[in-house]
Protein backbone atom coordinates (compact mmCIF):
# COMPACT_ATOMS: atom_id res chain seq x y z
CA MET A 1 36.86 -28.87 -21.61
CA GLY A 2 33.55 -30.58 -22.36
CA PHE A 3 30.90 -31.35 -19.76
CA LEU A 4 30.89 -35.03 -20.73
CA THR A 5 34.67 -35.26 -20.30
CA ALA A 6 34.44 -33.76 -16.81
CA LEU A 7 31.51 -35.98 -15.86
CA LEU A 8 33.11 -39.17 -17.16
CA SER A 9 36.45 -38.33 -15.49
CA PHE A 10 34.64 -37.65 -12.21
CA VAL A 11 32.74 -40.95 -12.34
CA VAL A 12 35.94 -42.87 -13.14
CA THR A 13 37.86 -41.08 -10.37
CA ILE A 14 35.25 -41.60 -7.67
CA GLY A 15 34.51 -45.12 -8.90
CA ILE A 16 38.15 -46.20 -8.60
CA LEU A 17 38.70 -44.54 -5.22
CA VAL A 18 35.48 -45.86 -3.67
CA THR A 19 36.03 -49.38 -5.02
CA ILE A 20 39.56 -49.53 -3.59
CA HIS A 21 38.42 -48.05 -0.26
CA GLU A 22 35.54 -50.48 0.16
CA TYR A 23 37.65 -53.41 -1.03
CA GLY A 24 40.00 -52.68 1.86
CA HIS A 25 37.10 -53.15 4.29
CA TYR A 26 35.87 -56.21 2.36
CA TRP A 27 39.24 -57.98 2.15
CA VAL A 28 40.08 -57.65 5.86
CA ALA A 29 36.50 -58.57 6.85
CA LYS A 30 36.81 -61.80 4.86
CA LYS A 31 40.19 -62.50 6.47
CA CYS A 32 38.52 -62.08 9.88
CA ASN A 33 35.73 -64.49 8.82
CA VAL A 34 33.02 -61.82 8.86
CA LYS A 35 30.10 -62.50 6.54
CA VAL A 36 29.83 -59.70 3.96
CA LEU A 37 26.27 -59.30 2.71
CA ARG A 38 26.75 -56.52 0.16
CA PHE A 39 29.57 -54.64 -1.56
CA SER A 40 28.13 -51.48 -3.10
CA VAL A 41 29.74 -48.78 -5.24
CA GLY A 42 27.44 -45.77 -5.23
CA PHE A 43 24.12 -45.12 -3.51
CA GLY A 44 20.48 -45.13 -4.56
CA LYS A 45 18.91 -47.17 -7.34
CA VAL A 46 20.77 -50.35 -8.28
CA ILE A 47 21.97 -50.24 -11.91
CA LYS A 48 23.81 -53.55 -12.00
CA SER A 49 24.21 -56.36 -9.50
CA PHE A 50 25.52 -59.89 -9.29
CA LYS A 51 26.18 -62.37 -6.51
CA ARG A 52 29.44 -64.14 -5.90
CA GLY A 53 29.43 -66.59 -3.04
CA GLU A 54 27.54 -65.06 -0.12
CA THR A 55 28.11 -61.43 -1.17
CA GLU A 56 25.96 -59.30 -3.48
CA PHE A 57 27.99 -56.82 -5.54
CA THR A 58 26.05 -53.75 -6.72
CA LEU A 59 26.64 -50.65 -8.83
CA CYS A 60 24.25 -47.83 -7.91
CA ALA A 61 23.10 -44.64 -9.62
CA ILE A 62 24.65 -41.98 -7.36
CA PRO A 63 28.47 -42.20 -7.66
CA LEU A 64 29.29 -40.32 -4.46
CA GLY A 65 30.45 -43.12 -2.20
CA GLY A 66 29.86 -46.74 -1.34
CA TYR A 67 29.61 -49.20 1.51
CA VAL A 68 30.25 -52.76 2.65
CA LYS A 69 27.32 -54.26 4.57
CA MET A 70 28.38 -56.95 7.03
CA LEU A 71 26.38 -59.35 9.16
CA ASP A 72 25.67 -57.53 12.45
CA GLU A 73 23.36 -58.43 15.33
CA ARG A 74 22.70 -54.74 15.98
CA GLU A 75 21.00 -54.42 12.60
CA THR A 76 19.24 -57.73 12.01
CA ASP A 77 18.43 -61.06 13.63
CA VAL A 78 21.31 -63.50 13.21
CA ALA A 79 20.94 -67.26 13.29
CA GLU A 80 22.80 -68.98 16.11
CA PHE A 81 25.04 -70.92 13.72
CA GLU A 82 26.23 -67.63 12.12
CA ARG A 83 26.72 -65.52 15.27
CA HIS A 84 30.47 -66.14 15.21
CA ARG A 85 30.58 -64.47 11.76
CA ALA A 86 28.80 -61.27 12.84
CA PHE A 87 30.88 -58.08 12.85
CA ASN A 88 29.85 -57.14 16.38
CA GLN A 89 31.03 -60.53 17.71
CA LYS A 90 34.61 -59.96 16.59
CA SER A 91 37.31 -58.69 18.93
CA VAL A 92 37.89 -54.96 19.13
CA TYR A 93 41.24 -55.44 17.37
CA GLN A 94 39.60 -57.23 14.45
CA ARG A 95 36.88 -54.56 14.19
CA PHE A 96 39.59 -51.89 14.30
CA ALA A 97 41.50 -53.61 11.48
CA ILE A 98 38.39 -53.97 9.31
CA VAL A 99 37.44 -50.30 9.65
CA ALA A 100 41.01 -49.01 9.26
CA ALA A 101 41.55 -51.08 6.11
CA GLY A 102 39.48 -48.71 3.95
CA PRO A 103 41.61 -45.57 4.46
CA ILE A 104 44.79 -47.66 4.40
CA ALA A 105 43.76 -49.01 0.99
CA ASN A 106 43.51 -45.43 -0.28
CA PHE A 107 47.05 -44.65 0.89
CA LEU A 108 48.35 -47.87 -0.69
CA LEU A 109 46.61 -46.93 -3.96
CA ALA A 110 48.33 -43.53 -3.89
CA ILE A 111 51.72 -45.22 -3.38
CA LEU A 112 51.01 -47.60 -6.27
CA LEU A 113 49.97 -44.76 -8.57
CA TYR A 114 53.02 -42.63 -7.77
CA THR A 115 55.24 -45.70 -8.24
CA VAL A 116 53.82 -46.16 -11.74
CA ILE A 117 54.23 -42.44 -12.42
CA PHE A 118 57.90 -42.47 -11.39
CA ILE A 119 58.59 -45.58 -13.49
CA VAL A 120 56.90 -44.09 -16.56
CA GLY A 121 58.63 -40.75 -15.97
CA ILE A 122 57.43 -37.25 -15.12
CA ASN A 123 58.11 -34.43 -17.56
CA GLY A 124 58.77 -31.10 -15.93
CA PHE A 125 60.63 -27.82 -16.23
CA LYS A 126 63.80 -26.94 -14.39
CA PRO A 127 63.22 -24.42 -11.57
CA VAL A 128 65.04 -21.28 -12.70
CA VAL A 129 64.48 -17.82 -11.23
CA GLY A 130 62.93 -15.33 -13.65
CA ALA A 131 61.79 -11.82 -12.78
CA LEU A 132 62.11 -10.71 -9.14
CA THR A 133 60.08 -8.19 -7.15
CA ASN A 134 62.17 -5.61 -5.30
CA ASP A 135 60.76 -6.31 -1.85
CA GLY A 136 60.29 -10.07 -2.29
CA ILE A 137 61.73 -12.78 -0.06
CA PHE A 138 63.89 -14.15 -2.90
CA ASN A 139 65.40 -10.77 -3.72
CA GLN A 140 66.24 -10.13 -0.07
CA SER A 141 67.94 -13.53 0.18
CA GLY A 142 70.43 -12.68 -2.58
CA LEU A 143 68.99 -14.91 -5.30
CA GLN A 144 69.04 -13.42 -8.80
CA ALA A 145 67.34 -13.88 -12.15
CA GLY A 146 68.83 -16.85 -13.96
CA ASP A 147 69.72 -18.79 -10.81
CA ALA A 148 68.91 -22.50 -11.08
CA LEU A 149 67.30 -23.76 -7.86
CA LEU A 150 69.09 -27.02 -7.04
CA SER A 151 67.78 -28.05 -3.62
CA ILE A 152 65.87 -27.06 -0.49
CA ASN A 153 67.37 -28.07 2.85
CA ASN A 154 69.69 -30.45 0.95
CA THR A 155 66.80 -32.22 -0.83
CA PRO A 156 67.23 -32.05 -4.64
CA THR A 157 64.60 -30.09 -6.59
CA PRO A 158 65.08 -31.08 -10.26
CA SER A 159 61.73 -29.69 -11.41
CA ILE A 160 59.34 -26.86 -10.56
CA SER A 161 56.92 -29.43 -9.17
CA GLU A 162 59.57 -30.92 -6.89
CA PHE A 163 60.68 -27.45 -5.79
CA SER A 164 57.10 -26.57 -4.87
CA THR A 165 56.58 -29.82 -2.94
CA GLN A 166 59.85 -29.49 -1.02
CA PHE A 167 59.21 -25.83 -0.21
CA ILE A 168 55.82 -26.63 1.31
CA GLN A 169 57.40 -29.47 3.27
CA ALA A 170 60.14 -27.15 4.53
CA ILE A 171 57.70 -24.56 5.89
CA GLY A 172 58.38 -24.40 9.60
CA SER A 173 62.15 -24.73 9.17
CA LYS A 174 63.94 -21.57 10.30
CA PRO A 175 65.48 -20.59 8.03
CA ILE A 176 64.87 -22.50 4.80
CA THR A 177 68.15 -23.09 2.97
CA ILE A 178 68.23 -23.07 -0.83
CA GLN A 179 71.19 -24.21 -2.90
CA ALA A 180 71.37 -22.55 -6.33
CA ARG A 181 73.67 -22.20 -9.35
CA SER A 182 74.09 -18.85 -11.06
CA LYS A 183 74.23 -18.24 -14.82
CA GLU A 184 78.02 -18.09 -14.41
CA LEU A 185 77.85 -21.64 -12.92
CA ASN A 186 78.82 -20.43 -9.45
CA LEU A 187 77.21 -22.30 -6.56
CA LYS A 188 75.47 -20.23 -3.90
CA THR A 189 73.46 -20.80 -0.74
CA ALA A 190 70.54 -18.59 0.25
CA GLU A 191 68.61 -18.52 3.50
CA LEU A 192 64.93 -17.63 3.30
CA HIS A 193 63.40 -15.84 6.26
CA LEU A 194 59.69 -16.25 5.64
CA THR A 195 57.16 -13.55 6.39
CA GLY A 196 53.49 -14.38 6.75
CA ASP A 197 52.04 -17.86 6.40
CA PHE A 198 51.94 -19.34 2.90
CA LEU A 199 49.58 -22.15 3.95
CA ALA A 200 47.00 -19.58 5.07
CA ASN A 201 46.52 -18.67 1.40
CA PRO A 202 48.18 -21.28 -0.85
CA GLU A 203 46.20 -20.15 -3.91
CA GLN A 204 48.59 -17.19 -4.29
CA GLY A 205 51.25 -19.58 -5.57
CA ILE A 206 54.73 -20.21 -4.23
CA ASP A 207 56.43 -17.90 -6.72
CA GLN A 208 54.12 -14.99 -5.88
CA TYR A 209 54.62 -15.58 -2.14
CA LEU A 210 58.41 -15.61 -2.53
CA GLY A 211 58.40 -12.62 -4.86
CA PHE A 212 59.58 -14.05 -8.18
CA LYS A 213 58.46 -15.78 -11.34
CA PHE A 214 59.84 -19.02 -12.68
CA ALA A 215 61.79 -18.40 -15.88
CA THR A 216 60.20 -19.79 -19.04
CA PRO A 217 61.74 -20.69 -22.43
CA THR A 218 62.09 -17.64 -24.66
CA ILE A 219 60.30 -17.80 -28.02
CA PRO A 220 61.62 -15.32 -30.63
CA ALA A 221 58.99 -12.81 -31.82
CA ILE A 222 59.32 -13.93 -35.46
CA LEU A 223 55.98 -14.30 -37.24
CA ASN A 224 55.22 -17.69 -38.75
CA HIS A 225 51.70 -16.95 -39.98
CA VAL A 226 49.55 -13.86 -40.56
CA VAL A 227 45.78 -14.45 -40.72
CA LEU A 228 44.13 -13.01 -43.84
CA ASN A 229 42.13 -9.81 -43.15
CA SER A 230 43.29 -9.80 -39.52
CA ALA A 231 44.56 -6.73 -37.66
CA ALA A 232 48.12 -7.82 -38.42
CA SER A 233 47.38 -8.30 -42.12
CA LEU A 234 45.77 -4.85 -42.39
CA SER A 235 48.79 -3.28 -40.65
CA GLY A 236 51.19 -4.66 -43.25
CA LEU A 237 52.83 -7.36 -41.11
CA GLN A 238 54.13 -10.35 -43.08
CA THR A 239 55.32 -13.86 -42.40
CA GLY A 240 58.98 -13.77 -41.35
CA ASP A 241 58.80 -10.31 -39.74
CA GLU A 242 60.61 -10.00 -36.40
CA ILE A 243 59.01 -7.66 -33.84
CA LEU A 244 61.75 -5.41 -32.42
CA SER A 245 59.71 -2.93 -30.37
CA ALA A 246 56.15 -1.86 -29.51
CA ASN A 247 55.38 1.74 -28.55
CA GLY A 248 59.08 2.30 -27.99
CA VAL A 249 59.50 -0.69 -25.66
CA THR A 250 62.02 -3.32 -26.79
CA ILE A 251 60.45 -6.72 -27.49
CA ASN A 252 62.79 -9.59 -26.59
CA SER A 253 60.37 -12.49 -26.98
CA TRP A 254 57.01 -13.58 -28.31
CA GLN A 255 55.68 -13.65 -24.74
CA GLU A 256 56.47 -9.93 -24.34
CA PHE A 257 54.67 -9.10 -27.60
CA VAL A 258 51.58 -11.06 -26.54
CA LYS A 259 51.59 -9.20 -23.21
CA VAL A 260 51.60 -5.86 -25.06
CA ILE A 261 48.62 -6.92 -27.19
CA GLN A 262 46.66 -8.10 -24.15
CA THR A 263 47.34 -5.15 -21.85
CA ILE A 264 47.11 -2.14 -24.16
CA PRO A 265 43.56 -0.87 -24.93
CA ILE A 266 42.25 -1.22 -28.48
CA LYS A 267 44.23 1.58 -30.08
CA PRO A 268 47.15 1.82 -32.56
CA ILE A 269 50.44 0.25 -31.44
CA LYS A 270 53.60 1.61 -33.06
CA LEU A 271 55.77 -1.29 -34.14
CA ILE A 272 59.35 -1.53 -35.36
CA VAL A 273 59.86 -4.77 -37.28
CA LYS A 274 62.83 -6.34 -39.01
CA ARG A 275 62.24 -7.63 -42.54
CA SER A 276 65.04 -8.81 -44.83
CA ASN A 277 67.67 -6.95 -42.77
CA GLU A 278 65.62 -3.74 -42.93
CA GLU A 279 63.75 -2.03 -40.11
CA LEU A 280 60.20 -0.87 -40.86
CA ALA A 281 57.76 1.24 -38.85
CA LEU A 282 54.18 -0.08 -38.83
CA SER A 283 50.98 0.65 -36.92
CA LEU A 284 48.92 -2.25 -35.53
CA THR A 285 45.41 -1.86 -34.08
CA PRO A 286 44.25 -5.16 -32.49
CA LYS A 287 40.69 -6.36 -33.06
CA LEU A 288 38.39 -7.26 -30.17
CA ILE A 289 37.33 -10.89 -30.64
CA ASN A 290 35.28 -12.60 -27.91
CA ASN A 291 36.13 -9.71 -25.57
CA SER A 292 39.85 -10.30 -26.07
CA PRO A 293 42.26 -8.21 -28.21
CA LYS A 294 43.71 -10.23 -31.10
CA ALA A 295 46.39 -9.40 -33.66
CA GLY A 296 45.90 -12.43 -35.91
CA VAL A 297 49.48 -13.74 -35.95
CA SER A 298 51.34 -16.79 -34.72
CA VAL A 299 54.94 -17.92 -34.35
CA ALA A 300 56.77 -21.14 -35.10
CA LEU A 301 58.41 -22.81 -32.13
CA PRO A 302 62.15 -23.23 -32.69
CA GLU A 303 63.24 -26.85 -32.97
CA ASP A 304 64.22 -28.30 -29.56
CA TYR A 305 63.61 -24.94 -27.90
CA LEU A 306 62.33 -26.76 -24.78
CA LYS A 307 65.17 -29.25 -24.61
CA GLU A 308 67.46 -27.31 -22.27
CA TRP A 309 64.52 -26.47 -19.97
CA GLN A 310 62.89 -29.87 -19.71
CA VAL A 311 63.73 -32.56 -17.19
CA VAL A 312 62.41 -36.11 -17.00
CA ILE A 313 62.23 -37.65 -13.54
CA GLN A 314 62.33 -41.40 -14.08
CA LYS A 315 63.30 -44.13 -11.61
CA ASP A 316 63.77 -47.89 -11.50
CA PRO A 317 60.98 -49.85 -9.76
CA ILE A 318 62.67 -50.04 -6.34
CA ASP A 319 63.61 -46.35 -6.26
CA ALA A 320 60.16 -45.51 -7.62
CA LEU A 321 58.50 -47.36 -4.74
CA PHE A 322 60.61 -45.57 -2.12
CA SER A 323 60.08 -42.19 -3.80
CA ALA A 324 56.33 -42.83 -4.06
CA SER A 325 56.12 -43.75 -0.38
CA SER A 326 58.03 -40.60 0.55
CA LYS A 327 55.78 -38.43 -1.62
CA VAL A 328 52.60 -39.88 -0.11
CA TYR A 329 54.04 -39.29 3.37
CA GLN A 330 54.93 -35.68 2.50
CA LEU A 331 51.52 -34.96 0.96
CA THR A 332 49.79 -36.54 3.96
CA LEU A 333 51.70 -34.25 6.33
CA LEU A 334 50.82 -31.26 4.15
CA ASN A 335 47.13 -32.18 4.22
CA LEU A 336 47.28 -32.56 8.00
CA LYS A 337 48.85 -29.10 8.29
CA MET A 338 46.08 -27.62 6.19
CA ILE A 339 43.37 -29.39 8.20
CA LYS A 340 44.91 -28.13 11.44
CA LYS A 341 45.05 -24.56 10.14
CA MET A 342 41.42 -24.71 9.03
CA ILE A 343 40.34 -26.02 12.44
CA VAL A 344 42.15 -23.23 14.34
CA GLY A 345 41.07 -20.58 11.83
CA GLU A 346 44.50 -19.88 10.32
CA ALA A 347 43.41 -20.97 6.84
CA SER A 348 40.18 -20.33 4.97
CA ILE A 349 37.61 -23.09 4.41
CA ASP A 350 37.11 -21.52 0.97
CA GLN A 351 39.87 -23.85 -0.24
CA ILE A 352 37.79 -26.99 0.34
CA SER A 353 36.57 -28.47 -2.94
CA GLY A 354 33.42 -30.44 -3.63
CA PRO A 355 32.22 -32.79 -6.39
CA VAL A 356 31.89 -30.04 -9.01
CA SER A 357 35.48 -28.85 -8.53
CA ILE A 358 36.76 -32.43 -8.41
CA ALA A 359 34.94 -33.17 -11.68
CA ASN A 360 36.49 -30.05 -13.21
CA TYR A 361 40.03 -30.94 -12.09
CA ALA A 362 39.57 -34.59 -13.08
CA GLY A 363 38.45 -33.57 -16.57
CA ARG A 364 41.34 -31.17 -17.05
CA SER A 365 43.96 -33.66 -15.88
CA ALA A 366 42.47 -36.39 -18.08
CA GLU A 367 42.64 -34.10 -21.12
CA VAL A 368 46.31 -33.30 -20.46
CA GLY A 369 47.36 -36.94 -20.33
CA LEU A 370 47.55 -40.20 -18.38
CA VAL A 371 50.33 -39.20 -15.96
CA PRO A 372 48.60 -35.96 -14.82
CA PHE A 373 45.34 -37.90 -14.34
CA LEU A 374 47.09 -40.61 -12.30
CA SER A 375 48.77 -37.90 -10.21
CA PHE A 376 45.39 -36.25 -9.59
CA LEU A 377 43.89 -39.64 -8.70
CA ALA A 378 46.69 -40.27 -6.17
CA LEU A 379 46.22 -36.84 -4.61
CA ILE A 380 42.46 -37.33 -4.19
CA SER A 381 43.04 -40.84 -2.83
CA ILE A 382 45.27 -39.40 -0.09
CA GLY A 383 42.61 -36.81 0.70
CA LEU A 384 39.89 -39.47 0.87
CA GLY A 385 42.00 -41.64 3.16
CA LEU A 386 42.69 -38.73 5.50
CA LEU A 387 39.08 -37.54 5.50
CA ASN A 388 37.88 -40.96 6.57
CA LEU A 389 40.42 -41.07 9.41
CA LEU A 390 39.12 -37.88 11.00
CA PRO A 391 37.56 -38.71 14.40
CA ILE A 392 34.08 -37.72 13.26
CA PRO A 393 31.23 -40.12 14.11
CA LEU A 394 29.74 -41.87 11.04
CA LEU A 395 33.18 -41.77 9.34
CA ASP A 396 35.73 -44.57 9.71
CA GLY A 397 37.77 -42.35 12.01
CA GLY A 398 34.81 -41.95 14.37
CA HIS A 399 34.46 -45.72 14.71
CA LEU A 400 38.21 -46.09 15.24
CA PHE A 401 38.06 -43.46 17.98
CA PHE A 402 35.38 -45.47 19.83
CA TYR A 403 37.44 -48.65 19.40
CA LEU A 404 40.48 -46.95 20.92
CA ILE A 405 38.36 -45.96 23.93
CA GLU A 406 37.16 -49.56 24.17
CA ILE A 407 40.75 -50.83 24.12
CA VAL A 408 41.79 -48.39 26.86
CA LYS A 409 38.79 -48.83 29.20
CA GLY A 410 38.20 -52.50 28.51
CA SER A 411 34.54 -52.13 27.52
CA ALA A 412 32.63 -50.79 24.54
CA VAL A 413 31.22 -47.27 24.43
CA SER A 414 27.49 -47.46 25.15
CA GLU A 415 25.01 -47.40 22.27
CA THR A 416 23.38 -44.28 23.75
CA THR A 417 26.69 -42.39 23.75
CA GLN A 418 27.44 -43.53 20.21
CA GLN A 419 24.03 -42.34 19.01
CA ILE A 420 24.54 -38.93 20.60
CA PHE A 421 27.90 -38.55 18.88
CA ALA A 422 26.43 -39.89 15.64
CA LYS A 423 23.99 -36.96 15.59
CA PHE A 424 26.92 -34.59 16.08
CA GLY A 425 28.81 -36.35 13.30
CA LEU A 426 25.83 -36.02 10.98
CA PHE A 427 25.70 -32.29 11.71
CA VAL A 428 29.43 -31.91 10.92
CA ILE A 429 29.13 -33.89 7.68
CA LEU A 430 26.09 -31.92 6.53
CA SER A 431 27.88 -28.66 7.38
CA LEU A 432 30.95 -29.72 5.37
CA THR A 433 28.67 -30.74 2.50
CA PHE A 434 27.08 -27.29 2.52
CA VAL A 435 30.51 -25.60 2.58
CA VAL A 436 31.93 -27.59 -0.35
CA LEU A 437 28.81 -27.14 -2.47
CA TYR A 438 28.80 -23.41 -1.70
CA ASN A 439 32.49 -23.18 -2.66
CA ASP A 440 31.78 -25.04 -5.90
CA LEU A 441 28.91 -22.68 -6.71
CA ILE A 442 31.07 -19.60 -6.07
CA ARG A 443 33.80 -21.00 -8.35
CA LEU A 444 31.26 -21.61 -11.11
CA LEU A 445 29.94 -18.06 -10.84
């Protein structure tokens, strides 16, 4: 992935999310007859600006946020004829609505994006059990290699992605019930009794945590091309050869042959190959290229070899909207669980990502295709909405917290108290900034 791709994807991602977030504030402020002085995307030096009505719209050089500046007597002198349009003169309920509109806009954007994704269709792979570890949770539950995983707690799981999402949602259920179908087409029900806390270390992957690997389509180890003067060419391998065994171990697929090449040190590998109905014994010594062992061969993918494994999740607009709303709700709950675990020390803050990681993920998803990029955009939009709802002074959630106190006690929190908490909020935000930048640096190294 190129640096420019990552940078451009990051700017587009943040630009869209910030614009939608700030537009939420702007739209509700206008509905409440608050005068909006400036709508800014980005901070720092102004690159482009124009004025529409009474509002100046600006695009600034640092694409790490934005703001909506409203008329406010606490910040500037306000003429008597405009006092009724100042933010601070509005009722606490109107101020609450204006501030809450930003995060809400991010959640609505996520719902819209997932609705589009479900209408377009999501390509995925069916969740089928592959290899099992002897002491894994799956093996102990009675599930076997080849079992198709149909549902979790009666919620269908047509793809690996859906299985993963539903499993995370089901964490906390005791036990988790999985419906599966064996290779012999027999239906079975398995109960998972979880050990340890997956959310404490989600980077391990659901399959690793449960003690299995998702099955993948098998590609026959039949050579389609042999690179001239490569290790394979020098060993005598030819196009059309089928690899039967390596160092006495039966090779059932191309994936198994690649694993042998990558895991065995650079030394001769004894091969048995099938050529024109004859079995031949050859010796292959991989070459080290860019610190990786290479044989210099490739295979042709059988026609429609993915067809029986692929699934397309596509819905009509109404179903797509309901499914999108449900997905955003589920992902919001998952994010809240993770935040809670980080606060109480049950999950590591190493998992928090900063701008460098976001740029990296944005670039990768953009390179894969439109749907993965939209999915990434929706996920980050949910995260941004939640982050801004945290009751931390200087964030939207901090202001909302003060407004709730004002509603309960009937009077506003004093400016002195707000300033004290603002200093605390600044400390928290700077600390989080340090953590995410440190995590990004560690990932780069």
